[in-house]
C-alpha atoms as a PDB file:
ATOM      1  CA  MET A   1     -63.635 -69.319 -28.111  1.00  0.00           C
ATOM      2  CA  ARG A   2     -65.098 -67.402 -31.120  1.00  0.00           C
ATOM      3  CA  LYS A   3     -63.820 -64.011 -29.812  1.00  0.00           C
ATOM      4  CA  GLY A   4     -61.572 -61.963 -31.988  1.00  0.00           C
ATOM      5  CA  ALA A   5     -58.839 -63.184 -29.977  1.00  0.00           C
ATOM      6  CA  THR A   6     -58.104 -65.721 -27.365  1.00  0.00           C
ATOM      7  CA  GLU A   7     -56.418 -64.433 -23.662  1.00  0.00           C
ATOM      8  CA  THR A   8     -53.787 -66.607 -21.967  1.00  0.00           C
ATOM      9  CA  GLY A   9     -51.390 -65.876 -19.374  1.00  0.00           C
ATOM     10  CA  CYS A  10     -48.439 -66.195 -21.509  1.00  0.00           C
ATOM     11  CA  ALA A  11     -49.967 -64.863 -25.369  1.00  0.00           C
ATOM     12  CA  ILE A  12     -52.771 -64.523 -27.407  1.00  0.00           C
ATOM     13  CA  MET A  13     -53.822 -67.168 -30.063  1.00  0.00           C
ATOM     14  CA  SER A  14     -56.182 -65.769 -32.989  1.00  0.00           C
ATOM     15  CA  THR A  15     -59.413 -67.124 -33.904  1.00  0.00           C
ATOM     16  CA  PRO A  16     -57.987 -68.639 -37.369  1.00  0.00           C
ATOM     17  CA  ILE A  17     -55.286 -70.976 -35.867  1.00  0.00           C
ATOM     18  CA  ALA A  18     -57.999 -72.259 -33.537  1.00  0.00           C
ATOM     19  CA  GLU A  19     -60.418 -72.415 -36.336  1.00  0.00           C
ATOM     20  CA  GLU A  20     -57.412 -74.381 -38.034  1.00  0.00           C
ATOM     21  CA  LEU A  21     -56.749 -76.981 -35.704  1.00  0.00           C
ATOM     22  CA  GLY A  22     -60.507 -77.433 -35.176  1.00  0.00           C
ATOM     23  CA  MET A  23     -61.501 -78.152 -38.647  1.00  0.00           C
ATOM     24  CA  ARG A  24     -58.376 -80.845 -38.661  1.00  0.00           C
ATOM     25  CA  GLY A  25     -59.653 -82.864 -35.250  1.00  0.00           C
ATOM     26  CA  GLU A  26     -62.495 -85.325 -35.074  1.00  0.00           C
ATOM     27  CA  GLY A  27     -65.336 -84.430 -32.766  1.00  0.00           C
ATOM     28  CA  SER A  28     -64.533 -83.164 -29.083  1.00  0.00           C
ATOM     29  CA  SER A  29     -61.477 -85.000 -28.925  1.00  0.00           C
ATOM     30  CA  GLY A  30     -60.288 -83.305 -31.814  1.00  0.00           C
ATOM     31  CA  VAL A  31     -60.942 -80.136 -31.137  1.00  0.00           C
ATOM     32  CA  TRP A  32     -58.987 -80.615 -27.763  1.00  0.00           C
ATOM     33  CA  ARG A  33     -55.864 -82.055 -29.581  1.00  0.00           C
ATOM     34  CA  GLY A  34     -55.893 -79.424 -31.851  1.00  0.00           C
ATOM     35  CA  ALA A  35     -56.036 -77.140 -28.824  1.00  0.00           C
ATOM     36  CA  GLY A  36     -53.007 -78.682 -27.194  1.00  0.00           C
ATOM     37  CA  LEU A  37     -50.997 -78.338 -30.718  1.00  0.00           C
ATOM     38  CA  GLY A  38     -51.818 -74.728 -30.337  1.00  0.00           C
ATOM     39  CA  VAL A  39     -50.988 -74.229 -27.132  1.00  0.00           C
ATOM     40  CA  THR A  40     -47.816 -76.339 -27.410  1.00  0.00           C
ATOM     41  CA  ALA A  41     -46.590 -73.971 -30.668  1.00  0.00           C
ATOM     42  CA  MET A  42     -47.946 -70.709 -28.612  1.00  0.00           C
ATOM     43  CA  LEU A  43     -45.375 -71.549 -25.767  1.00  0.00           C
ATOM     44  CA  THR A  44     -42.911 -72.355 -28.314  1.00  0.00           C
ATOM     45  CA  VAL A  45     -43.020 -69.116 -30.088  1.00  0.00           C
ATOM     46  CA  THR A  46     -43.011 -67.222 -26.551  1.00  0.00           C
ATOM     47  CA  ALA A  47     -39.742 -69.022 -25.609  1.00  0.00           C
ATOM     48  CA  LEU A  48     -38.243 -68.072 -28.671  1.00  0.00           C
ATOM     49  CA  THR A  49     -39.585 -64.603 -28.535  1.00  0.00           C
ATOM     50  CA  ILE A  50     -37.514 -64.016 -24.681  1.00  0.00           C
ATOM     51  CA  LEU A  51     -34.798 -66.251 -25.106  1.00  0.00           C
ATOM     52  CA  PRO A  52     -32.618 -64.600 -27.455  1.00  0.00           C
ATOM     53  CA  PRO A  53     -32.410 -61.394 -25.213  1.00  0.00           C
ATOM     54  CA  ALA A  54     -31.893 -63.234 -22.208  1.00  0.00           C
ATOM     55  CA  LEU A  55     -28.880 -65.319 -23.998  1.00  0.00           C
ATOM     56  CA  SER A  56     -27.979 -62.131 -25.388  1.00  0.00           C
ATOM     57  CA  SER A  57     -27.181 -60.414 -21.842  1.00  0.00           C
ATOM     58  CA  ALA A  58     -25.653 -63.205 -20.660  1.00  0.00           C
ATOM     59  CA  ARG A  59     -23.087 -63.171 -23.132  1.00  0.00           C
ATOM     60  CA  ALA A  60     -22.443 -59.857 -22.911  1.00  0.00           C
ATOM     61  CA  GLN A  61     -21.835 -59.973 -19.417  1.00  0.00           C
ATOM     62  CA  GLN A  62     -19.650 -62.708 -19.772  1.00  0.00           C
ATOM     63  CA  ASP A  63     -17.822 -60.885 -22.267  1.00  0.00           C
ATOM     64  CA  ARG A  64     -17.182 -58.072 -19.898  1.00  0.00           C
ATOM     65  CA  GLN A  65     -15.764 -60.571 -17.281  1.00  0.00           C
ATOM     66  CA  PRO A  66     -12.467 -62.198 -17.580  1.00  0.00           C
ATOM     67  CA  SER A  67     -12.057 -66.167 -17.145  1.00  0.00           C
ATOM     68  CA  LEU A  68     -10.569 -66.586 -13.769  1.00  0.00           C
ATOM     69  CA  ASN A  69      -9.396 -69.586 -11.846  1.00  0.00           C
ATOM     70  CA  SER A  70     -11.306 -71.354  -9.186  1.00  0.00           C
ATOM     71  CA  GLU A  71      -8.625 -69.785  -6.665  1.00  0.00           C
ATOM     72  CA  ASP A  72      -8.751 -66.375  -7.645  1.00  0.00           C
ATOM     73  CA  VAL A  73     -12.617 -66.268  -6.757  1.00  0.00           C
ATOM     74  CA  LEU A  74     -13.703 -64.822  -3.789  1.00  0.00           C
ATOM     75  CA  ALA A  75     -15.812 -66.968  -1.200  1.00  0.00           C
ATOM     76  CA  PRO A  76     -19.076 -64.856   0.098  1.00  0.00           C
ATOM     77  CA  SER A  77     -17.382 -65.113   3.597  1.00  0.00           C
ATOM     78  CA  GLN A  78     -14.131 -63.684   2.345  1.00  0.00           C
ATOM     79  CA  MET A  79     -15.876 -60.565   1.101  1.00  0.00           C
ATOM     80  CA  ALA A  80     -17.750 -59.994   4.359  1.00  0.00           C
ATOM     81  CA  GLN A  81     -14.273 -59.645   6.334  1.00  0.00           C
ATOM     82  CA  PRO A  82     -13.829 -56.261   8.523  1.00  0.00           C
ATOM     83  CA  MET A  83     -11.220 -53.590   7.656  1.00  0.00           C
ATOM     84  CA  PRO A  84      -8.193 -53.752   9.371  1.00  0.00           C
ATOM     85  CA  ALA A  85      -7.840 -50.867  11.990  1.00  0.00           C
ATOM     86  CA  PRO A  86      -4.796 -48.324  11.219  1.00  0.00           C
ATOM     87  CA  VAL A  87      -1.445 -48.994  12.228  1.00  0.00           C
ATOM     88  CA  SER A  88      -0.340 -46.493  14.726  1.00  0.00           C
ATOM     89  CA  GLU A  89       2.966 -44.554  14.414  1.00  0.00           C
ATOM     90  CA  PRO A  90       5.811 -45.543  16.713  1.00  0.00           C
ATOM     91  CA  GLY A  91       5.884 -43.618  20.211  1.00  0.00           C
ATOM     92  CA  GLY A  92       9.384 -41.894  19.870  1.00  0.00           C
ATOM     93  CA  ALA A  93       8.505 -40.782  16.336  1.00  0.00           C
ATOM     94  CA  PRO A  94       8.091 -36.849  16.127  1.00  0.00           C
ATOM     95  CA  LYS A  95       4.546 -35.770  14.049  1.00  0.00           C
ATOM     96  CA  LYS A  96       5.060 -33.435  11.281  1.00  0.00           C
ATOM     97  CA  ARG A  97       3.489 -30.201  11.755  1.00  0.00           C
ATOM     98  CA  LYS A  98       1.911 -28.718   8.689  1.00  0.00           C
ATOM     99  CA  PRO A  99       3.547 -25.075   8.120  1.00  0.00           C
ATOM    100  CA  PRO A 100       1.190 -22.290   8.609  1.00  0.00           C
ATOM    101  CA  GLU A 101      -0.440 -20.935   5.606  1.00  0.00           C
ATOM    102  CA  LYS A 102       0.943 -17.868   3.756  1.00  0.00           C
ATOM    103  CA  ARG A 103      -1.687 -15.002   3.472  1.00  0.00           C
ATOM    104  CA  ALA A 104      -1.760 -13.462   0.217  1.00  0.00           C
ATOM    105  CA  ALA A 105      -1.186  -9.530   0.524  1.00  0.00           C
ATOM    106  CA  VAL A 106      -3.946  -7.782  -0.375  1.00  0.00           C
ATOM    107  CA  ALA A 107      -3.050  -4.747  -3.262  1.00  0.00           C
ATOM    108  CA  LYS A 108      -4.298  -1.503  -1.863  1.00  0.00           C
ATOM    109  CA  PRO A 109      -5.756   0.658  -4.365  1.00  0.00           C
ATOM    110  CA  GLU A 110      -3.722   3.555  -5.287  1.00  0.00           C
ATOM    111  CA  GLY A 111      -4.665   6.845  -3.432  1.00  0.00           C
ATOM    112  CA  ALA A 112      -5.898   4.950  -0.218  1.00  0.00           C
ATOM    113  CA  LYS A 113      -4.926   6.701   3.318  1.00  0.00           C
ATOM    114  CA  PRO A 114      -3.918   4.504   5.330  1.00  0.00           C
ATOM    115  CA  ALA A 115      -6.243   3.430   8.586  1.00  0.00           C
ATOM    116  CA  PRO A 116      -5.517   5.360  11.465  1.00  0.00           C
ATOM    117  CA  SER A 117      -3.560   3.401  14.188  1.00  0.00           C
ATOM    118  CA  SER A 118      -5.604   2.892  17.745  1.00  0.00           C
ATOM    119  CA  ALA A 119      -2.375   2.676  19.700  1.00  0.00           C
ATOM    120  CA  PRO A 120      -2.014   5.760  22.562  1.00  0.00           C
ATOM    121  CA  ALA A 121      -0.142   8.782  21.647  1.00  0.00           C
ATOM    122  CA  HIS A 122       3.278   9.282  23.411  1.00  0.00           C
ATOM    123  CA  ALA A 123       5.436  11.947  24.100  1.00  0.00           C
ATOM    124  CA  PRO A 124       7.984  12.480  21.896  1.00  0.00           C
ATOM    125  CA  ARG A 125      12.082  11.117  22.729  1.00  0.00           C
ATOM    126  CA  ALA A 126      14.085  13.872  23.639  1.00  0.00           C
ATOM    127  CA  GLY A 127      16.282  13.129  20.910  1.00  0.00           C
ATOM    128  CA  SER A 128      13.500  14.170  18.553  1.00  0.00           C
ATOM    129  CA  PHE A 129      13.137  17.330  19.472  1.00  0.00           C
ATOM    130  CA  LYS A 130      14.282  20.602  17.537  1.00  0.00           C
ATOM    131  CA  THR A 131      17.211  22.658  19.102  1.00  0.00           C
ATOM    132  CA  VAL A 132      15.963  25.712  17.265  1.00  0.00           C
ATOM    133  CA  ILE A 133      14.773  28.862  19.514  1.00  0.00           C
ATOM    134  CA  GLU A 134      12.260  30.994  17.110  1.00  0.00           C
ATOM    135  CA  CYS A 135      10.907  34.122  18.884  1.00  0.00           C
ATOM    136  CA  LYS A 136       7.367  32.555  19.282  1.00  0.00           C
ATOM    137  CA  GLY A 137       5.140  29.577  20.307  1.00  0.00           C
ATOM    138  CA  PRO A 138       6.828  28.348  23.479  1.00  0.00           C
ATOM    139  CA  PHE A 139       9.622  30.819  23.000  1.00  0.00           C
ATOM    140  CA  ALA A 140       7.058  33.935  22.628  1.00  0.00           C
ATOM    141  CA  ARG A 141       7.075  36.858  24.959  1.00  0.00           C
ATOM    142  CA  ASP A 142       3.894  35.695  26.768  1.00  0.00           C
ATOM    143  CA  SER A 143       5.075  31.971  26.949  1.00  0.00           C
ATOM    144  CA  GLY A 144       5.023  30.463  30.485  1.00  0.00           C
ATOM    145  CA  MET A 145       6.378  27.046  31.435  1.00  0.00           C
ATOM    146  CA  LEU A 146       3.014  25.312  30.792  1.00  0.00           C
ATOM    147  CA  ALA A 147       3.531  25.960  26.851  1.00  0.00           C
ATOM    148  CA  LEU A 148       7.125  24.615  27.566  1.00  0.00           C
ATOM    149  CA  ALA A 149       5.849  21.366  29.286  1.00  0.00           C
ATOM    150  CA  VAL A 150       3.364  20.846  26.034  1.00  0.00           C
ATOM    151  CA  ALA A 151       6.003  21.349  23.543  1.00  0.00           C
ATOM    152  CA  PHE A 152       9.116  19.384  25.270  1.00  0.00           C
ATOM    153  CA  ASP A 153       7.546  17.356  27.932  1.00  0.00           C
ATOM    154  CA  SER A 154       7.385  18.128  31.337  1.00  0.00           C
ATOM    155  CA  ARG A 155       9.828  15.241  32.451  1.00  0.00           C
ATOM    156  CA  ASN A 156      12.361  17.043  30.580  1.00  0.00           C
ATOM    157  CA  MET A 157      12.808  19.991  32.757  1.00  0.00           C
ATOM    158  CA  MET A 158      13.211  21.417  36.554  1.00  0.00           C
ATOM    159  CA  PHE A 159      12.619  24.637  37.919  1.00  0.00           C
ATOM    160  CA  THR A 160      14.955  26.619  40.165  1.00  0.00           C
ATOM    161  CA  HIS A 161      15.579  30.163  41.271  1.00  0.00           C
ATOM    162  CA  GLU A 162      18.279  32.580  40.386  1.00  0.00           C
ATOM    163  CA  LYS A 163      19.314  35.482  42.572  1.00  0.00           C
ATOM    164  CA  VAL A 164      19.304  38.743  40.850  1.00  0.00           C
ATOM    165  CA  GLN A 165      20.432  41.962  42.597  1.00  0.00           C
ATOM    166  CA  GLY A 166      18.762  40.226  45.747  1.00  0.00           C
ATOM    167  CA  THR A 167      15.615  39.523  43.825  1.00  0.00           C
ATOM    168  CA  ASP A 168      14.799  35.629  43.160  1.00  0.00           C
ATOM    169  CA  VAL A 169      14.013  35.440  39.605  1.00  0.00           C
ATOM    170  CA  GLY A 170      12.306  31.849  38.288  1.00  0.00           C
ATOM    171  CA  VAL A 171      14.176  29.721  35.926  1.00  0.00           C
ATOM    172  CA  THR A 172      13.322  26.684  34.273  1.00  0.00           C
ATOM    173  CA  VAL A 173      15.892  24.497  33.081  1.00  0.00           C
ATOM    174  CA  MET A 174      15.301  22.068  30.220  1.00  0.00           C
ATOM    175  CA  PHE A 175      17.020  18.911  29.613  1.00  0.00           C
ATOM    176  CA  PRO A 176      18.931  19.242  32.858  1.00  0.00           C
ATOM    177  CA  LYS A 177      21.032  16.290  32.732  1.00  0.00           C
ATOM    178  CA  ASP A 178      22.086  16.498  29.225  1.00  0.00           C
ATOM    179  CA  PRO A 179      24.774  19.237  28.348  1.00  0.00           C
ATOM    180  CA  LYS A 180      24.461  19.575  24.887  1.00  0.00           C
ATOM    181  CA  ARG A 181      20.792  20.067  25.205  1.00  0.00           C
ATOM    182  CA  ARG A 182      20.734  22.104  28.432  1.00  0.00           C
ATOM    183  CA  LEU A 183      18.682  25.817  28.089  1.00  0.00           C
ATOM    184  CA  GLU A 184      17.816  27.721  30.765  1.00  0.00           C
ATOM    185  CA  VAL A 185      14.421  30.269  30.319  1.00  0.00           C
ATOM    186  CA  TRP A 186      13.907  32.811  32.966  1.00  0.00           C
ATOM    187  CA  TRP A 187      10.598  34.031  33.993  1.00  0.00           C
ATOM    188  CA  GLN A 188       9.165  37.598  34.417  1.00  0.00           C
ATOM    189  CA  ASN A 189       6.396  36.333  36.809  1.00  0.00           C
ATOM    190  CA  ALA A 190       6.365  34.425  40.181  1.00  0.00           C
ATOM    191  CA  ASN A 191       3.574  32.006  38.423  1.00  0.00           C
ATOM    192  CA  ARG A 192       6.217  31.311  35.700  1.00  0.00           C
ATOM    193  CA  THR A 193       4.910  33.340  32.984  1.00  0.00           C
ATOM    194  CA  GLY A 194       6.442  35.697  30.878  1.00  0.00           C
ATOM    195  CA  LEU A 195       9.464  35.143  29.192  1.00  0.00           C
ATOM    196  CA  TYR A 196      12.313  37.266  30.295  1.00  0.00           C
ATOM    197  CA  LEU A 197      15.747  35.658  29.085  1.00  0.00           C
ATOM    198  CA  ILE A 198      16.911  32.541  27.374  1.00  0.00           C
ATOM    199  CA  ASP A 199      20.549  31.630  28.238  1.00  0.00           C
ATOM    200  CA  ILE A 200      22.644  29.318  25.788  1.00  0.00           C
ATOM    201  CA  ALA A 201      25.733  28.466  27.329  1.00  0.00           C
ATOM    202  CA  GLY A 202      28.416  25.744  28.250  1.00  0.00           C
ATOM    203  CA  LYS A 203      28.221  22.570  25.497  1.00  0.00           C
ATOM    204  CA  SER A 204      24.615  23.312  24.233  1.00  0.00           C
ATOM    205  CA  THR A 205      23.837  22.590  21.012  1.00  0.00           C
ATOM    206  CA  TRP A 206      21.070  25.327  20.753  1.00  0.00           C
ATOM    207  CA  VAL A 207      20.786  27.347  17.971  1.00  0.00           C
ATOM    208  CA  ALA A 208      19.339  31.252  18.072  1.00  0.00           C
ATOM    209  CA  PRO A 209      17.241  32.932  15.560  1.00  0.00           C
ATOM    210  CA  LYS A 210      19.646  33.104  12.225  1.00  0.00           C
ATOM    211  CA  GLY A 211      21.642  30.670  13.173  1.00  0.00           C
ATOM    212  CA  LEU A 212      23.935  32.196  15.855  1.00  0.00           C
ATOM    213  CA  ARG A 213      25.064  29.275  18.029  1.00  0.00           C
ATOM    214  CA  LEU A 214      27.937  28.713  20.370  1.00  0.00           C
ATOM    215  CA  GLY A 215      31.750  28.273  19.221  1.00  0.00           C
ATOM    216  CA  LEU A 216      31.215  30.745  16.212  1.00  0.00           C
ATOM    217  CA  THR A 217      34.426  32.847  15.551  1.00  0.00           C
ATOM    218  CA  LEU A 218      34.420  36.364  15.007  1.00  0.00           C
ATOM    219  CA  GLU A 219      34.476  36.043  11.239  1.00  0.00           C
ATOM    220  CA  GLN A 220      31.719  33.415  11.212  1.00  0.00           C
ATOM    221  CA  VAL A 221      29.518  35.755  13.132  1.00  0.00           C
ATOM    222  CA  GLU A 222      30.171  39.303  10.877  1.00  0.00           C
ATOM    223  CA  LYS A 223      29.098  36.909   8.209  1.00  0.00           C
ATOM    224  CA  LEU A 224      25.460  36.049   9.902  1.00  0.00           C
ATOM    225  CA  ASN A 225      25.540  40.051  10.979  1.00  0.00           C
ATOM    226  CA  HIS A 226      26.587  40.714   7.062  1.00  0.00           C
ATOM    227  CA  LYS A 227      29.054  43.368   8.678  1.00  0.00           C
ATOM    228  CA  PRO A 228      31.499  43.557  11.811  1.00  0.00           C
ATOM    229  CA  PHE A 229      30.221  44.385  15.039  1.00  0.00           C
ATOM    230  CA  LYS A 230      31.518  46.266  18.478  1.00  0.00           C
ATOM    231  CA  LEU A 231      32.626  44.239  21.445  1.00  0.00           C
ATOM    232  CA  LYS A 232      33.626  45.424  25.122  1.00  0.00           C
ATOM    233  CA  GLY A 233      37.473  44.381  26.012  1.00  0.00           C
ATOM    234  CA  PHE A 234      38.192  41.240  27.862  1.00  0.00           C
ATOM    235  CA  ASP A 235      37.756  40.423  31.812  1.00  0.00           C
ATOM    236  CA  ALA A 236      39.796  38.472  34.058  1.00  0.00           C
ATOM    237  CA  ASP A 237      38.402  35.155  32.742  1.00  0.00           C
ATOM    238  CA  GLY A 238      38.982  36.174  28.853  1.00  0.00           C
ATOM    239  CA  VAL A 239      35.258  36.903  28.148  1.00  0.00           C
ATOM    240  CA  ALA A 240      34.583  39.778  26.209  1.00  0.00           C
ATOM    241  CA  ALA A 241      30.718  41.053  25.745  1.00  0.00           C
ATOM    242  CA  VAL A 242      28.932  41.991  22.262  1.00  0.00           C
ATOM    243  CA  ALA A 243      28.394  45.923  22.846  1.00  0.00           C
ATOM    244  CA  ASP A 244      26.478  46.425  19.729  1.00  0.00           C
ATOM    245  CA  TRP A 245      25.539  44.608  16.303  1.00  0.00           C
ATOM    246  CA  ASP A 246      26.153  48.014  14.986  1.00  0.00           C
ATOM    247  CA  GLY A 247      22.917  48.032  12.484  1.00  0.00           C
ATOM    248  CA  GLY A 248      23.443  44.512  11.037  1.00  0.00           C
ATOM    249  CA  GLU A 249      21.123  41.814  10.584  1.00  0.00           C
ATOM    250  CA  LEU A 250      21.324  40.341  13.938  1.00  0.00           C
ATOM    251  CA  ALA A 251      20.310  43.715  15.691  1.00  0.00           C
ATOM    252  CA  SER A 252      16.611  43.044  14.782  1.00  0.00           C
ATOM    253  CA  LEU A 253      15.292  39.184  14.805  1.00  0.00           C
ATOM    254  CA  PRO A 254      11.691  38.065  13.918  1.00  0.00           C
ATOM    255  CA  GLY A 255       9.258  38.069  16.780  1.00  0.00           C
ATOM    256  CA  GLY A 256      10.648  41.229  18.340  1.00  0.00           C
ATOM    257  CA  CYS A 257      13.111  39.451  20.819  1.00  0.00           C
ATOM    258  CA  LYS A 258      16.843  40.443  20.712  1.00  0.00           C
ATOM    259  CA  ALA A 259      19.829  38.478  20.873  1.00  0.00           C
ATOM    260  CA  SER A 260      23.459  39.123  22.690  1.00  0.00           C
ATOM    261  CA  GLY A 261      26.359  37.290  23.430  1.00  0.00           C
ATOM    262  CA  SER A 262      30.036  36.978  24.564  1.00  0.00           C
ATOM    263  CA  VAL A 263      33.637  35.404  23.333  1.00  0.00           C
ATOM    264  CA  GLN A 264      35.908  33.959  25.162  1.00  0.00           C
ATOM    265  CA  ALA A 265      39.560  34.346  24.031  1.00  0.00           C
ATOM    266  CA  ARG A 266      41.898  30.967  24.709  1.00  0.00           C
ATOM    267  CA  ASP A 267      44.882  33.191  26.125  1.00  0.00           C
ATOM    268  CA  LYS A 268      43.785  34.990  29.053  1.00  0.00           C
ATOM    269  CA  LYS A 269      46.763  36.922  29.673  1.00  0.00           C
ATOM    270  CA  ALA A 270      47.157  37.994  25.861  1.00  0.00           C
ATOM    271  CA  ALA A 271      43.520  39.124  26.033  1.00  0.00           C
ATOM    272  CA  GLY A 272      44.275  41.316  29.277  1.00  0.00           C
ATOM    273  CA  GLU A 273      45.985  43.640  26.877  1.00  0.00           C
ATOM    274  CA  LEU A 274      42.449  44.483  25.556  1.00  0.00           C
ATOM    275  CA  PRO A 275      40.699  45.554  28.884  1.00  0.00           C
ATOM    276  CA  ALA A 276      36.685  45.691  29.329  1.00  0.00           C
ATOM    277  CA  LYS A 277      37.048  49.765  29.787  1.00  0.00           C
ATOM    278  CA  ASP A 278      37.389  49.811  25.987  1.00  0.00           C
ATOM    279  CA  GLU A 279      35.123  48.962  22.738  1.00  0.00           C
ATOM    280  CA  TYR A 280      36.767  47.218  20.052  1.00  0.00           C
ATOM    281  CA  SER A 281      35.689  46.228  16.580  1.00  0.00           C
ATOM    282  CA  SER A 282      35.281  42.445  15.675  1.00  0.00           C
ATOM    283  CA  SER A 283      37.735  43.308  12.431  1.00  0.00           C
ATOM    284  CA  ASP A 284      40.497  44.850  14.639  1.00  0.00           C
ATOM    285  CA  PRO A 285      43.569  43.103  13.761  1.00  0.00           C
ATOM    286  CA  ALA A 286      44.289  42.892  17.698  1.00  0.00           C
ATOM    287  CA  MET A 287      41.366  41.445  18.740  1.00  0.00           C
ATOM    288  CA  ARG A 288      41.250  38.571  15.694  1.00  0.00           C
ATOM    289  CA  ALA A 289      44.706  37.601  16.573  1.00  0.00           C
ATOM    290  CA  LEU A 290      43.092  36.223  20.029  1.00  0.00           C
ATOM    291  CA  LYS A 291      40.991  34.015  17.858  1.00  0.00           C
ATOM    292  CA  PRO A 292      37.729  34.273  20.902  1.00  0.00           C
ATOM    293  CA  ALA A 293      34.794  32.260  19.993  1.00  0.00           C
ATOM    294  CA  VAL A 294      31.249  32.696  21.082  1.00  0.00           C
ATOM    295  CA  SER A 295      30.912  30.917  24.612  1.00  0.00           C
ATOM    296  CA  GLU A 296      27.101  32.482  25.472  1.00  0.00           C
ATOM    297  CA  ILE A 297      24.268  33.771  23.887  1.00  0.00           C
ATOM    298  CA  LEU A 298      21.330  35.526  25.273  1.00  0.00           C
ATOM    299  CA  ILE A 299      18.061  36.029  23.790  1.00  0.00           C
ATOM    300  CA  GLY A 300      15.541  38.560  25.413  1.00  0.00           C
ATOM    301  CA  TYR A 301      12.709  41.058  25.362  1.00  0.00           C
END
């Protein structure tokens, strides 16, 4: 008991205190009496050291919790109750569906090229074809029916024959069921090659080189030719053929082809006064008085 400090399970008693207690006691009984007083003092000090923080913590918890009545306090059995099952909707009530989310459009950078389409290419429709004749491409001198089929779709044409001085000549009729797009192409060879003649007639809207088309008046044709031209007289049907362009613009066409044509008078009886055996200028007053219009155009090589 004389060491620097006496260890116990609760606290440490210093040597001066033990000595003080021992000096006041008498004999061995005094020593034990003094030791008992020291232990009691030591426990008292320990209790005073531990109790204040515990009391402070209990008070803090009491301050945080409001005062409750005995009826408001839940019993442990009430806290262990299971959660009720969700209430199902009435059978007749329709379920609302969420609208599809709209995706924000992604802005394309400037100058970006559109992605190539993977859809198969289809043949163009009949209404998308240009009804203008140029003496090249499918209407070149060395063209054939295959070139026309590639350019205008084989479903828009048919093949037939025409008698010319006792000889069968192959003819491709383009758009045979459409009077406004009907066009006849005549071939030099039996294998449907070598363009020989192009015939624009009836109600066709095809346009020949340099703007020559059906329905034009003599004055309008003179404007395309840049001068008057020569015509044969009228036959029994009131038709007069172009005899010569007289060196005008229509005499020479790009691609090496040549154009000719016919005009038809409305009054066949009056047209008989200008017989077919004679030639007339398109500027002749008698010819203009009949007011003929272009009724057929021929383009050949």
